[in-house]
Amino acid sequence: VQLQASGGGLVQPGESLRLSCVASGRVFAINGMGWYRQAPGKERELVALSTGSIRRYADSVEGRFTISRDSKNMLSLQMNSPEPEDTAVYYCYAVDSSQTYWGQGTLVTVSS
């Protein structure tokens, strides 16, 4: 499975941004997908995940971010009301029965 993330950039606090992740390869084997992020000097943290009908969010983004599995091979993250603390490199991931796959990351900078 290969993952390609896109949609990052510079956004002002309160504006919206949508990240996308396209999977290719053995997409039929994917059980779940989601987003992690890593801010400068911090550890990577889970932002949101989508497995079947289950959606889970980090407390810090609950109510502001929405994850959606648009198709078998496309995942998105709608970021509403972003804050400077959301500045990070965002990585999409996918899991099948044997391993986790990672995209290359897309940088999101929230600043006025």
Protein backbone atom coordinates (compact mmCIF):
# COMPACT_ATOMS: atom_id res chain seq x y z
CA VAL A 1 0.00 0.00 0.00
CA GLN A 2 1.30 3.44 -0.94
CA LEU A 3 -0.13 6.64 0.52
CA GLN A 4 0.04 10.15 -0.87
CA ALA A 5 -1.04 13.01 1.36
CA SER A 6 -1.79 16.52 0.16
CA GLY A 7 -3.60 19.70 1.10
CA GLY A 8 -1.25 21.21 3.65
CA GLY A 9 -0.20 24.83 3.64
CA LEU A 10 -0.41 28.10 5.49
CA VAL A 11 -3.79 28.92 6.99
CA GLN A 12 -4.93 31.65 9.34
CA PRO A 13 -6.52 30.79 12.67
CA GLY A 14 -10.23 30.18 12.16
CA GLU A 15 -9.97 29.39 8.44
CA SER A 16 -10.64 25.91 7.12
CA LEU A 17 -8.32 23.43 5.48
CA ARG A 18 -8.89 19.99 4.03
CA LEU A 19 -6.23 17.32 3.87
CA SER A 20 -6.50 14.37 1.51
CA CYS A 21 -4.77 11.03 1.39
CA VAL A 22 -4.92 8.72 -1.61
CA ALA A 23 -4.03 5.06 -1.24
CA SER A 24 -2.86 2.79 -4.03
CA GLY A 25 -1.82 -0.83 -4.24
CA ARG A 26 -3.59 -3.40 -2.07
CA VAL A 27 -6.34 -1.02 -0.96
CA PHE A 28 -8.82 -3.89 -0.68
CA ALA A 29 -6.81 -5.18 2.30
CA ILE A 30 -6.98 -1.92 4.27
CA ASN A 31 -8.86 -2.28 7.56
CA GLY A 32 -8.50 1.25 8.81
CA MET A 33 -6.98 4.62 8.07
CA GLY A 34 -6.24 7.76 10.00
CA TRP A 35 -4.07 10.78 10.62
CA TYR A 36 -1.17 11.43 12.94
CA ARG A 37 0.69 14.68 13.36
CA GLN A 38 4.06 15.74 14.67
CA ALA A 39 4.75 19.26 15.82
CA PRO A 40 8.30 20.62 16.12
CA GLY A 41 9.99 19.21 19.20
CA LYS A 42 7.06 16.96 20.05
CA GLU A 43 6.21 13.31 19.64
CA ARG A 44 3.91 12.08 16.94
CA GLU A 45 0.30 11.96 18.12
CA LEU A 46 -2.87 10.42 16.80
CA VAL A 47 -5.30 13.01 15.44
CA ALA A 48 -8.16 10.88 14.11
CA LEU A 49 -8.90 7.39 12.91
CA SER A 50 -11.54 5.70 10.80
CA THR A 51 -12.22 1.97 11.07
CA GLY A 52 -15.45 0.69 9.58
CA SER A 53 -18.15 2.92 11.05
CA ILE A 54 -15.94 3.98 13.98
CA ARG A 55 -14.46 7.46 14.15
CA ARG A 56 -12.17 8.58 16.96
CA TYR A 57 -10.52 11.92 17.61
CA ALA A 58 -7.89 13.36 19.86
CA ASP A 59 -9.45 15.51 22.57
CA SER A 60 -7.61 18.54 21.23
CA VAL A 61 -9.38 18.37 17.84
CA GLU A 62 -12.76 16.90 18.81
CA GLY A 63 -15.54 19.05 17.42
CA ARG A 64 -13.22 20.94 15.06
CA PHE A 65 -11.79 18.24 12.79
CA THR A 66 -13.74 15.65 10.83
CA ILE A 67 -12.26 12.51 9.32
CA SER A 68 -14.01 10.84 6.42
CA ARG A 69 -13.35 7.77 4.29
CA ASP A 70 -14.54 9.12 0.98
CA SER A 71 -13.90 5.90 -0.87
CA LYS A 72 -11.96 2.68 -0.44
CA ASN A 73 -8.76 4.50 -1.36
CA MET A 74 -9.34 8.09 -0.24
CA LEU A 75 -9.24 9.59 3.22
CA SER A 76 -9.75 13.21 4.15
CA LEU A 77 -9.44 15.41 7.22
CA GLN A 78 -11.55 18.53 7.35
CA MET A 79 -9.88 21.02 9.68
CA ASN A 80 -12.26 23.72 10.87
CA SER A 81 -11.26 26.51 13.24
CA PRO A 82 -7.60 25.54 13.25
CA GLU A 83 -5.41 27.00 15.95
CA PRO A 84 -1.68 27.74 16.04
CA GLU A 85 -1.30 24.64 18.22
CA ASP A 86 -2.43 22.55 15.25
CA THR A 87 0.74 23.46 13.36
CA ALA A 88 2.46 20.20 12.51
CA VAL A 89 3.36 17.76 9.79
CA TYR A 90 0.31 15.58 9.22
CA TYR A 91 0.78 11.96 8.21
CA CYS A 92 -1.88 9.64 6.93
CA TYR A 93 -1.61 5.95 7.68
CA ALA A 94 -3.37 2.75 6.71
CA VAL A 95 -3.43 -0.64 8.37
CA ASP A 96 -4.12 -4.10 7.05
CA SER A 97 -3.89 -7.44 8.84
CA SER A 98 -0.11 -7.42 8.98
CA GLN A 99 1.33 -3.91 9.06
CA THR A 100 0.95 -0.15 9.10
CA TYR A 101 1.73 2.00 6.08
CA TRP A 102 2.65 5.68 6.17
CA GLY A 103 2.36 8.56 3.79
CA GLN A 104 5.08 11.16 3.38
CA GLY A 105 3.45 13.89 5.46
CA THR A 106 2.04 17.29 4.61
CA LEU A 107 2.91 20.44 6.55
CA VAL A 108 0.13 22.53 8.06
CA THR A 109 1.05 25.93 9.46
CA VAL A 110 -1.59 27.90 11.33
CA SER A 111 -0.51 31.48 11.72
CA SER A 112 -1.79 34.99 11.27
